[in-house]
PDB file of all heavy atoms in Angstrom:
ATOM      1  N   ASP A   1      -0.048 -32.892   1.471  1.00  0.00           N
ATOM      2  CA  ASP A   1       0.699 -34.130   1.702  1.00  0.00           C
ATOM      3  C   ASP A   1       2.016 -34.195   0.924  1.00  0.00           C
ATOM      4  O   ASP A   1       2.693 -35.211   0.922  1.00  0.00           O
ATOM      5  CB  ASP A   1      -0.171 -35.345   1.342  1.00  0.00           C
ATOM      6  CG  ASP A   1      -1.326 -35.500   2.311  1.00  0.00           C
ATOM      7  OD1 ASP A   1      -1.166 -35.139   3.497  1.00  0.00           O
ATOM      8  OD2 ASP A   1      -2.406 -35.958   1.869  1.00  0.00           O
ATOM      9  N   SER A   2       2.390 -33.101   0.283  1.00  0.00           N
ATOM     10  CA  SER A   2       3.654 -33.068  -0.455  1.00  0.00           C
ATOM     11  C   SER A   2       4.796 -32.697   0.490  1.00  0.00           C
ATOM     12  O   SER A   2       4.588 -32.427   1.661  1.00  0.00           O
ATOM     13  CB  SER A   2       3.574 -32.045  -1.594  1.00  0.00           C
ATOM     14  OG  SER A   2       3.615 -30.731  -1.071  1.00  0.00           O
ATOM     15  N   SER A   3       5.998 -32.665  -0.032  1.00  0.00           N
ATOM     16  CA  SER A   3       7.169 -32.296   0.781  1.00  0.00           C
ATOM     17  C   SER A   3       7.287 -30.775   0.946  1.00  0.00           C
ATOM     18  O   SER A   3       8.165 -30.302   1.661  1.00  0.00           O
ATOM     19  CB  SER A   3       8.444 -32.840   0.142  1.00  0.00           C
ATOM     20  OG  SER A   3       8.600 -32.307  -1.162  1.00  0.00           O
ATOM     21  N   LEU A   4       6.408 -30.039   0.312  1.00  0.00           N
ATOM     22  CA  LEU A   4       6.437 -28.586   0.367  1.00  0.00           C
ATOM     23  C   LEU A   4       5.761 -28.085   1.647  1.00  0.00           C
ATOM     24  O   LEU A   4       4.596 -28.379   1.880  1.00  0.00           O
ATOM     25  CB  LEU A   4       5.700 -28.037  -0.857  1.00  0.00           C
ATOM     26  CG  LEU A   4       6.021 -26.650  -1.340  1.00  0.00           C
ATOM     27  CD1 LEU A   4       7.499 -26.486  -1.638  1.00  0.00           C
ATOM     28  CD2 LEU A   4       5.210 -26.348  -2.584  1.00  0.00           C
ATOM     29  N   PRO A   5       6.480 -27.338   2.504  1.00  0.00           N
ATOM     30  CA  PRO A   5       5.860 -26.834   3.731  1.00  0.00           C
ATOM     31  C   PRO A   5       4.813 -25.751   3.417  1.00  0.00           C
ATOM     32  O   PRO A   5       5.118 -24.768   2.742  1.00  0.00           O
ATOM     33  CB  PRO A   5       7.015 -26.236   4.530  1.00  0.00           C
ATOM     34  CG  PRO A   5       8.260 -26.543   3.781  1.00  0.00           C
ATOM     35  CD  PRO A   5       7.890 -27.001   2.414  1.00  0.00           C
ATOM     36  N   ILE A   6       3.601 -25.941   3.914  1.00  0.00           N
ATOM     37  CA  ILE A   6       2.503 -25.000   3.698  1.00  0.00           C
ATOM     38  C   ILE A   6       2.211 -24.310   5.028  1.00  0.00           C
ATOM     39  O   ILE A   6       2.034 -24.964   6.063  1.00  0.00           O
ATOM     40  CB  ILE A   6       1.220 -25.724   3.223  1.00  0.00           C
ATOM     41  CG1 ILE A   6       1.501 -26.669   2.053  1.00  0.00           C
ATOM     42  CG2 ILE A   6       0.115 -24.722   2.897  1.00  0.00           C
ATOM     43  CD1 ILE A   6       1.918 -26.011   0.796  1.00  0.00           C
ATOM     44  N   ASN A   7       2.153 -22.978   5.020  1.00  0.00           N
ATOM     45  CA  ASN A   7       1.818 -22.221   6.225  1.00  0.00           C
ATOM     46  C   ASN A   7       0.340 -22.399   6.557  1.00  0.00           C
ATOM     47  O   ASN A   7      -0.458 -22.803   5.710  1.00  0.00           O
ATOM     48  CB  ASN A   7       2.132 -20.733   6.027  1.00  0.00           C
ATOM     49  CG  ASN A   7       3.614 -20.494   5.821  1.00  0.00           C
ATOM     50  OD1 ASN A   7       4.452 -21.149   6.436  1.00  0.00           O
ATOM     51  ND2 ASN A   7       3.944 -19.569   4.938  1.00  0.00           N
ATOM     52  N   ALA A   8      -0.039 -22.079   7.785  1.00  0.00           N
ATOM     53  CA  ALA A   8      -1.425 -22.231   8.236  1.00  0.00           C
ATOM     54  C   ALA A   8      -2.409 -21.451   7.366  1.00  0.00           C
ATOM     55  O   ALA A   8      -3.551 -21.870   7.189  1.00  0.00           O
ATOM     56  CB  ALA A   8      -1.555 -21.797   9.693  1.00  0.00           C
ATOM     57  N   ASP A   9      -1.959 -20.327   6.795  1.00  0.00           N
ATOM     58  CA  ASP A   9      -2.854 -19.518   5.950  1.00  0.00           C
ATOM     59  C   ASP A   9      -2.860 -19.981   4.493  1.00  0.00           C
ATOM     60  O   ASP A   9      -3.475 -19.348   3.635  1.00  0.00           O
ATOM     61  CB  ASP A   9      -2.497 -18.039   6.040  1.00  0.00           C
ATOM     62  CG  ASP A   9      -1.114 -17.712   5.499  1.00  0.00           C
ATOM     63  OD1 ASP A   9      -0.367 -18.635   5.104  1.00  0.00           O
ATOM     64  OD2 ASP A   9      -0.766 -16.515   5.472  1.00  0.00           O
ATOM     65  N   GLY A  10      -2.159 -21.089   4.189  1.00  0.00           N
ATOM     66  CA  GLY A  10      -2.134 -21.627   2.837  1.00  0.00           C
ATOM     67  C   GLY A  10      -1.009 -21.091   1.976  1.00  0.00           C
ATOM     68  O   GLY A  10      -0.858 -21.498   0.824  1.00  0.00           O
ATOM     69  N   THR A  11      -0.197 -20.180   2.504  1.00  0.00           N
ATOM     70  CA  THR A  11       0.911 -19.623   1.722  1.00  0.00           C
ATOM     71  C   THR A  11       2.146 -20.511   1.852  1.00  0.00           C
ATOM     72  O   THR A  11       2.218 -21.389   2.709  1.00  0.00           O
ATOM     73  CB  THR A  11       1.256 -18.195   2.178  1.00  0.00           C
ATOM     74  OG1 THR A  11       1.656 -18.224   3.549  1.00  0.00           O
ATOM     75  CG2 THR A  11       0.061 -17.262   1.995  1.00  0.00           C
ATOM     76  N   ILE A  12       3.116 -20.229   0.993  1.00  0.00           N
ATOM     77  CA  ILE A  12       4.363 -21.000   0.971  1.00  0.00           C
ATOM     78  C   ILE A  12       5.519 -20.009   1.067  1.00  0.00           C
ATOM     79  O   ILE A  12       5.583 -19.043   0.303  1.00  0.00           O
ATOM     80  CB  ILE A  12       4.476 -21.823  -0.323  1.00  0.00           C
ATOM     81  CG1 ILE A  12       3.292 -22.804  -0.424  1.00  0.00           C
ATOM     82  CG2 ILE A  12       5.812 -22.562  -0.387  1.00  0.00           C
ATOM     83  CD1 ILE A  12       3.152 -23.483  -1.767  1.00  0.00           C
ATOM     84  N   ASP A  13       6.423 -20.231   2.019  1.00  0.00           N
ATOM     85  CA  ASP A  13       7.577 -19.350   2.200  1.00  0.00           C
ATOM     86  C   ASP A  13       8.546 -19.486   1.029  1.00  0.00           C
ATOM     87  O   ASP A  13       8.758 -20.584   0.504  1.00  0.00           O
ATOM     88  CB  ASP A  13       8.323 -19.679   3.492  1.00  0.00           C
ATOM     89  CG  ASP A  13       7.539 -19.308   4.739  1.00  0.00           C
ATOM     90  OD1 ASP A  13       6.562 -18.535   4.636  1.00  0.00           O
ATOM     91  OD2 ASP A  13       7.907 -19.797   5.823  1.00  0.00           O
ATOM     92  N   THR A  14       9.135 -18.340   0.647  1.00  0.00           N
ATOM     93  CA  THR A  14      10.150 -18.344  -0.407  1.00  0.00           C
ATOM     94  C   THR A  14      11.359 -17.549   0.062  1.00  0.00           C
ATOM     95  O   THR A  14      11.302 -16.812   1.038  1.00  0.00           O
ATOM     96  CB  THR A  14       9.638 -17.706  -1.717  1.00  0.00           C
ATOM     97  OG1 THR A  14       9.611 -16.288  -1.562  1.00  0.00           O
ATOM     98  CG2 THR A  14       8.279 -18.232  -2.104  1.00  0.00           C
ATOM     99  N   ASP A  15      12.432 -17.679  -0.710  1.00  0.00           N
ATOM    100  CA  ASP A  15      13.598 -16.836  -0.470  1.00  0.00           C
ATOM    101  C   ASP A  15      13.527 -15.630  -1.407  1.00  0.00           C
ATOM    102  O   ASP A  15      12.511 -15.401  -2.072  1.00  0.00           O
ATOM    103  CB  ASP A  15      14.893 -17.632  -0.644  1.00  0.00           C
ATOM    104  CG  ASP A  15      15.124 -18.147  -2.058  1.00  0.00           C
ATOM    105  OD1 ASP A  15      14.403 -17.729  -2.999  1.00  0.00           O
ATOM    106  OD2 ASP A  15      16.041 -18.972  -2.240  1.00  0.00           O
ATOM    107  N   MET A  16      14.606 -14.879  -1.507  1.00  0.00           N
ATOM    108  CA  MET A  16      14.644 -13.673  -2.341  1.00  0.00           C
ATOM    109  C   MET A  16      14.521 -13.976  -3.835  1.00  0.00           C
ATOM    110  O   MET A  16      14.297 -13.088  -4.633  1.00  0.00           O
ATOM    111  CB  MET A  16      15.953 -12.907  -2.102  1.00  0.00           C
ATOM    112  CG  MET A  16      16.065 -12.286  -0.732  1.00  0.00           C
ATOM    113  SD  MET A  16      14.896 -10.957  -0.479  1.00  0.00           S
ATOM    114  CE  MET A  16      15.593  -9.694  -1.527  1.00  0.00           C
ATOM    115  N   ASN A  17      14.674 -15.249  -4.199  1.00  0.00           N
ATOM    116  CA  ASN A  17      14.575 -15.646  -5.603  1.00  0.00           C
ATOM    117  C   ASN A  17      13.268 -16.373  -5.905  1.00  0.00           C
ATOM    118  O   ASN A  17      13.094 -16.892  -6.994  1.00  0.00           O
ATOM    119  CB  ASN A  17      15.751 -16.542  -5.982  1.00  0.00           C
ATOM    120  CG  ASN A  17      17.077 -15.886  -5.664  1.00  0.00           C
ATOM    121  OD1 ASN A  17      17.732 -16.257  -4.694  1.00  0.00           O
ATOM    122  ND2 ASN A  17      17.460 -14.892  -6.435  1.00  0.00           N
ATOM    123  N   LEU A  18      12.381 -16.442  -4.926  1.00  0.00           N
ATOM    124  CA  LEU A  18      11.088 -17.128  -4.995  1.00  0.00           C
ATOM    125  C   LEU A  18      11.213 -18.652  -4.976  1.00  0.00           C
ATOM    126  O   LEU A  18      10.273 -19.361  -5.302  1.00  0.00           O
ATOM    127  CB  LEU A  18      10.262 -16.673  -6.197  1.00  0.00           C
ATOM    128  CG  LEU A  18       9.743 -15.242  -6.064  1.00  0.00           C
ATOM    129  CD1 LEU A  18       9.124 -14.769  -7.373  1.00  0.00           C
ATOM    130  CD2 LEU A  18       8.731 -15.128  -4.939  1.00  0.00           C
ATOM    131  N   MET A  19      12.386 -19.166  -4.552  1.00  0.00           N
ATOM    132  CA  MET A  19      12.533 -20.606  -4.385  1.00  0.00           C
ATOM    133  C   MET A  19      12.012 -20.988  -3.004  1.00  0.00           C
ATOM    134  O   MET A  19      12.241 -20.285  -2.021  1.00  0.00           O
ATOM    135  CB  MET A  19      13.989 -21.075  -4.536  1.00  0.00           C
ATOM    136  CG  MET A  19      14.062 -22.595  -4.532  1.00  0.00           C
ATOM    137  SD  MET A  19      15.601 -23.400  -5.082  1.00  0.00           S
ATOM    138  CE  MET A  19      16.871 -22.244  -4.809  1.00  0.00           C
ATOM    139  N   THR A  20      11.309 -22.106  -2.952  1.00  0.00           N
ATOM    140  CA  THR A  20      10.762 -22.618  -1.695  1.00  0.00           C
ATOM    141  C   THR A  20      11.858 -23.352  -0.930  1.00  0.00           C
ATOM    142  O   THR A  20      12.972 -23.528  -1.447  1.00  0.00           O
ATOM    143  CB  THR A  20       9.610 -23.594  -1.992  1.00  0.00           C
ATOM    144  OG1 THR A  20      10.147 -24.761  -2.615  1.00  0.00           O
ATOM    145  CG2 THR A  20       8.542 -22.951  -2.872  1.00  0.00           C
ATOM    146  N   PRO A  21      11.569 -23.834   0.290  1.00  0.00           N
ATOM    147  CA  PRO A  21      12.554 -24.645   1.012  1.00  0.00           C
ATOM    148  C   PRO A  21      12.905 -25.946   0.275  1.00  0.00           C
ATOM    149  O   PRO A  21      13.916 -26.568   0.573  1.00  0.00           O
ATOM    150  CB  PRO A  21      11.873 -24.941   2.347  1.00  0.00           C
ATOM    151  CG  PRO A  21      10.905 -23.810   2.530  1.00  0.00           C
ATOM    152  CD  PRO A  21      10.429 -23.477   1.149  1.00  0.00           C
ATOM    153  N   VAL A  22      12.080 -26.352  -0.687  1.00  0.00           N
ATOM    154  CA  VAL A  22      12.389 -27.527  -1.500  1.00  0.00           C
ATOM    155  C   VAL A  22      13.162 -27.036  -2.726  1.00  0.00           C
ATOM    156  O   VAL A  22      12.627 -26.246  -3.517  1.00  0.00           O
ATOM    157  CB  VAL A  22      11.102 -28.276  -1.927  1.00  0.00           C
ATOM    158  CG1 VAL A  22      11.442 -29.455  -2.818  1.00  0.00           C
ATOM    159  CG2 VAL A  22      10.302 -28.710  -0.711  1.00  0.00           C
ATOM    160  N   PRO A  23      14.414 -27.450  -2.891  1.00  0.00           N
ATOM    161  CA  PRO A  23      15.239 -26.945  -4.005  1.00  0.00           C
ATOM    162  C   PRO A  23      14.560 -27.099  -5.369  1.00  0.00           C
ATOM    163  O   PRO A  23      13.901 -28.093  -5.640  1.00  0.00           O
ATOM    164  CB  PRO A  23      16.501 -27.815  -3.929  1.00  0.00           C
ATOM    165  CG  PRO A  23      16.554 -28.270  -2.505  1.00  0.00           C
ATOM    166  CD  PRO A  23      15.119 -28.431  -2.071  1.00  0.00           C
ATOM    167  N   ASN A  24      14.719 -26.058  -6.182  1.00  0.00           N
ATOM    168  CA  ASN A  24      14.216 -26.005  -7.551  1.00  0.00           C
ATOM    169  C   ASN A  24      12.688 -25.962  -7.664  1.00  0.00           C
ATOM    170  O   ASN A  24      12.153 -26.195  -8.743  1.00  0.00           O
ATOM    171  CB  ASN A  24      14.786 -27.146  -8.399  1.00  0.00           C
ATOM    172  CG  ASN A  24      16.294 -27.040  -8.490  1.00  0.00           C
ATOM    173  OD1 ASN A  24      16.835 -25.958  -8.694  1.00  0.00           O
ATOM    174  ND2 ASN A  24      16.977 -28.164  -8.305  1.00  0.00           N
ATOM    175  N   ILE A  25      12.017 -25.669  -6.580  1.00  0.00           N
ATOM    176  CA  ILE A  25      10.563 -25.453  -6.619  1.00  0.00           C
ATOM    177  C   ILE A  25      10.345 -23.977  -6.304  1.00  0.00           C
ATOM    178  O   ILE A  25      10.728 -23.488  -5.236  1.00  0.00           O
ATOM    179  CB  ILE A  25       9.796 -26.330  -5.601  1.00  0.00           C
ATOM    180  CG1 ILE A  25      10.073 -27.810  -5.833  1.00  0.00           C
ATOM    181  CG2 ILE A  25       8.301 -26.014  -5.655  1.00  0.00           C
ATOM    182  CD1 ILE A  25       9.508 -28.368  -7.118  1.00  0.00           C
ATOM    183  N   TYR A  26       9.717 -23.279  -7.244  1.00  0.00           N
ATOM    184  CA  TYR A  26       9.479 -21.841  -7.122  1.00  0.00           C
ATOM    185  C   TYR A  26       7.978 -21.581  -7.040  1.00  0.00           C
ATOM    186  O   TYR A  26       7.191 -22.303  -7.656  1.00  0.00           O
ATOM    187  CB  TYR A  26      10.034 -21.096  -8.339  1.00  0.00           C
ATOM    188  CG  TYR A  26      11.534 -21.186  -8.454  1.00  0.00           C
ATOM    189  CD1 TYR A  26      12.145 -22.306  -8.997  1.00  0.00           C
ATOM    190  CD2 TYR A  26      12.340 -20.143  -8.018  1.00  0.00           C
ATOM    191  CE1 TYR A  26      13.526 -22.386  -9.105  1.00  0.00           C
ATOM    192  CE2 TYR A  26      13.715 -20.215  -8.123  1.00  0.00           C
ATOM    193  CZ  TYR A  26      14.295 -21.338  -8.668  1.00  0.00           C
ATOM    194  OH  TYR A  26      15.663 -21.411  -8.764  1.00  0.00           O
ATOM    195  N   VAL A  27       7.607 -20.563  -6.281  1.00  0.00           N
ATOM    196  CA  VAL A  27       6.198 -20.141  -6.243  1.00  0.00           C
ATOM    197  C   VAL A  27       6.152 -18.619  -6.308  1.00  0.00           C
ATOM    198  O   VAL A  27       7.125 -17.926  -5.996  1.00  0.00           O
ATOM    199  CB  VAL A  27       5.455 -20.638  -4.981  1.00  0.00           C
ATOM    200  CG1 VAL A  27       5.437 -22.147  -4.907  1.00  0.00           C
ATOM    201  CG2 VAL A  27       6.031 -20.045  -3.717  1.00  0.00           C
ATOM    202  N   GLY A  28       5.023 -18.119  -6.714  1.00  0.00           N
ATOM    203  CA  GLY A  28       4.829 -16.671  -6.781  1.00  0.00           C
ATOM    204  C   GLY A  28       3.358 -16.341  -6.721  1.00  0.00           C
ATOM    205  O   GLY A  28       2.496 -17.223  -6.692  1.00  0.00           O
ATOM    206  N   GLY A  29       3.068 -15.076  -6.699  1.00  0.00           N
ATOM    207  CA  GLY A  29       1.684 -14.606  -6.704  1.00  0.00           C
ATOM    208  C   GLY A  29       1.000 -14.782  -5.361  1.00  0.00           C
ATOM    209  O   GLY A  29       1.622 -14.652  -4.306  1.00  0.00           O
ATOM    210  N   ASP A  30      -0.280 -15.122  -5.417  1.00  0.00           N
ATOM    211  CA  ASP A  30      -1.122 -15.149  -4.223  1.00  0.00           C
ATOM    212  C   ASP A  30      -0.726 -16.199  -3.195  1.00  0.00           C
ATOM    213  O   ASP A  30      -1.111 -16.096  -2.036  1.00  0.00           O
ATOM    214  CB  ASP A  30      -2.581 -15.361  -4.615  1.00  0.00           C
ATOM    215  CG  ASP A  30      -3.126 -14.206  -5.429  1.00  0.00           C
ATOM    216  OD1 ASP A  30      -2.501 -13.129  -5.430  1.00  0.00           O
ATOM    217  OD2 ASP A  30      -4.176 -14.377  -6.066  1.00  0.00           O
ATOM    218  N   ILE A  31       0.051 -17.199  -3.587  1.00  0.00           N
ATOM    219  CA  ILE A  31       0.447 -18.221  -2.619  1.00  0.00           C
ATOM    220  C   ILE A  31       1.825 -17.965  -2.018  1.00  0.00           C
ATOM    221  O   ILE A  31       2.221 -18.633  -1.070  1.00  0.00           O
ATOM    222  CB  ILE A  31       0.390 -19.647  -3.213  1.00  0.00           C
ATOM    223  CG1 ILE A  31       1.436 -19.835  -4.301  1.00  0.00           C
ATOM    224  CG2 ILE A  31      -1.007 -19.970  -3.697  1.00  0.00           C
ATOM    225  CD1 ILE A  31       1.596 -21.286  -4.751  1.00  0.00           C
ATOM    226  N   ALA A  32       2.556 -16.996  -2.550  1.00  0.00           N
ATOM    227  CA  ALA A  32       3.927 -16.753  -2.089  1.00  0.00           C
ATOM    228  C   ALA A  32       3.962 -15.886  -0.836  1.00  0.00           C
ATOM    229  O   ALA A  32       3.376 -14.812  -0.787  1.00  0.00           O
ATOM    230  CB  ALA A  32       4.741 -16.088  -3.194  1.00  0.00           C
ATOM    231  N   ASN A  33       4.647 -16.359   0.170  1.00  0.00           N
ATOM    232  CA  ASN A  33       4.967 -15.575   1.352  1.00  0.00           C
ATOM    233  C   ASN A  33       6.439 -15.208   1.173  1.00  0.00           C
ATOM    234  O   ASN A  33       7.329 -15.924   1.601  1.00  0.00           O
ATOM    235  CB  ASN A  33       4.736 -16.389   2.626  1.00  0.00           C
ATOM    236  CG  ASN A  33       4.847 -15.545   3.866  1.00  0.00           C
ATOM    237  OD1 ASN A  33       4.445 -14.383   3.872  1.00  0.00           O
ATOM    238  ND2 ASN A  33       5.396 -16.120   4.925  1.00  0.00           N
ATOM    239  N   ALA A  34       6.646 -14.096   0.461  1.00  0.00           N
ATOM    240  CA  ALA A  34       7.976 -13.764  -0.045  1.00  0.00           C
ATOM    241  C   ALA A  34       8.541 -12.510   0.612  1.00  0.00           C
ATOM    242  O   ALA A  34       7.792 -11.661   1.093  1.00  0.00           O
ATOM    243  CB  ALA A  34       7.891 -13.565  -1.560  1.00  0.00           C
ATOM    244  N   PRO A  35       9.880 -12.378   0.619  1.00  0.00           N
ATOM    245  CA  PRO A  35      10.502 -11.155   1.143  1.00  0.00           C
ATOM    246  C   PRO A  35       9.997  -9.929   0.382  1.00  0.00           C
ATOM    247  O   PRO A  35       9.840  -9.965  -0.840  1.00  0.00           O
ATOM    248  CB  PRO A  35      11.991 -11.375   0.893  1.00  0.00           C
ATOM    249  CG  PRO A  35      12.151 -12.858   0.808  1.00  0.00           C
ATOM    250  CD  PRO A  35      10.884 -13.346   0.172  1.00  0.00           C
ATOM    251  N   LEU A  36       9.758  -8.874   1.121  1.00  0.00           N
ATOM    252  CA  LEU A  36       9.215  -7.643   0.549  1.00  0.00           C
ATOM    253  C   LEU A  36      10.175  -6.502   0.838  1.00  0.00           C
ATOM    254  O   LEU A  36      10.382  -6.132   1.991  1.00  0.00           O
ATOM    255  CB  LEU A  36       7.842  -7.373   1.158  1.00  0.00           C
ATOM    256  CG  LEU A  36       6.982  -6.309   0.549  1.00  0.00           C
ATOM    257  CD1 LEU A  36       6.668  -6.612  -0.906  1.00  0.00           C
ATOM    258  CD2 LEU A  36       5.686  -6.194   1.326  1.00  0.00           C
ATOM    259  N   LEU A  37      10.790  -5.968  -0.201  1.00  0.00           N
ATOM    260  CA  LEU A  37      11.782  -4.906  -0.062  1.00  0.00           C
ATOM    261  C   LEU A  37      11.266  -3.760   0.800  1.00  0.00           C
ATOM    262  O   LEU A  37      11.957  -3.280   1.685  1.00  0.00           O
ATOM    263  CB  LEU A  37      12.185  -4.385  -1.444  1.00  0.00           C
ATOM    264  CG  LEU A  37      13.143  -3.200  -1.459  1.00  0.00           C
ATOM    265  CD1 LEU A  37      14.505  -3.613  -0.924  1.00  0.00           C
ATOM    266  CD2 LEU A  37      13.268  -2.626  -2.848  1.00  0.00           C
ATOM    267  N   SER A  38      10.041  -3.328   0.552  1.00  0.00           N
ATOM    268  CA  SER A  38       9.503  -2.179   1.283  1.00  0.00           C
ATOM    269  C   SER A  38       9.105  -2.522   2.710  1.00  0.00           C
ATOM    270  O   SER A  38       8.614  -1.671   3.442  1.00  0.00           O
ATOM    271  CB  SER A  38       8.310  -1.601   0.529  1.00  0.00           C
ATOM    272  OG  SER A  38       7.292  -2.577   0.395  1.00  0.00           O
ATOM    273  N   ASN A  39       9.324  -3.755   3.116  1.00  0.00           N
ATOM    274  CA  ASN A  39       9.014  -4.198   4.478  1.00  0.00           C
ATOM    275  C   ASN A  39      10.268  -4.804   5.103  1.00  0.00           C
ATOM    276  O   ASN A  39      10.197  -5.831   5.771  1.00  0.00           O
ATOM    277  CB  ASN A  39       7.853  -5.207   4.420  1.00  0.00           C
ATOM    278  CG  ASN A  39       7.150  -5.383   5.724  1.00  0.00           C
ATOM    279  OD1 ASN A  39       7.123  -4.484   6.558  1.00  0.00           O
ATOM    280  ND2 ASN A  39       6.569  -6.547   5.926  1.00  0.00           N
ATOM    281  N   ASP A  40      11.429  -4.180   4.838  1.00  0.00           N
ATOM    282  CA  ASP A  40      12.724  -4.641   5.350  1.00  0.00           C
ATOM    283  C   ASP A  40      13.006  -6.099   5.003  1.00  0.00           C
ATOM    284  O   ASP A  40      13.601  -6.826   5.780  1.00  0.00           O
ATOM    285  CB  ASP A  40      12.821  -4.431   6.864  1.00  0.00           C
ATOM    286  CG  ASP A  40      12.815  -2.970   7.252  1.00  0.00           C
ATOM    287  OD1 ASP A  40      13.322  -2.156   6.459  1.00  0.00           O
ATOM    288  OD2 ASP A  40      12.288  -2.642   8.332  1.00  0.00           O
ATOM    289  N   ASN A  41      12.538  -6.534   3.832  1.00  0.00           N
ATOM    290  CA  ASN A  41      12.711  -7.899   3.334  1.00  0.00           C
ATOM    291  C   ASN A  41      12.108  -8.957   4.258  1.00  0.00           C
ATOM    292  O   ASN A  41      12.482 -10.131   4.180  1.00  0.00           O
ATOM    293  CB  ASN A  41      14.174  -8.207   3.021  1.00  0.00           C
ATOM    294  CG  ASN A  41      14.612  -7.546   1.738  1.00  0.00           C
ATOM    295  OD1 ASN A  41      13.830  -7.410   0.803  1.00  0.00           O
ATOM    296  ND2 ASN A  41      15.856  -7.114   1.684  1.00  0.00           N
ATOM    297  N   GLN A  42      11.199  -8.545   5.116  1.00  0.00           N
ATOM    298  CA  GLN A  42      10.442  -9.513   5.902  1.00  0.00           C
ATOM    299  C   GLN A  42       9.435 -10.173   4.969  1.00  0.00           C
ATOM    300  O   GLN A  42       8.924  -9.546   4.047  1.00  0.00           O
ATOM    301  CB  GLN A  42       9.704  -8.824   7.066  1.00  0.00           C
ATOM    302  CG  GLN A  42      10.621  -8.164   8.059  1.00  0.00           C
ATOM    303  CD  GLN A  42      11.531  -9.155   8.744  1.00  0.00           C
ATOM    304  OE1 GLN A  42      11.092 -10.169   9.254  1.00  0.00           O
ATOM    305  NE2 GLN A  42      12.821  -8.863   8.747  1.00  0.00           N
TER     306      GLN A  42
END
């Protein structure tokens, strides 16, 4: 119910700096759906 968009699998999208779509909110680890260098930054 927060302003943070949650994916159907429970993960949260981030940018290359691990910031979420909500400014100044960062996530990492098991909940981060983050760009992966070895996967063409997908």
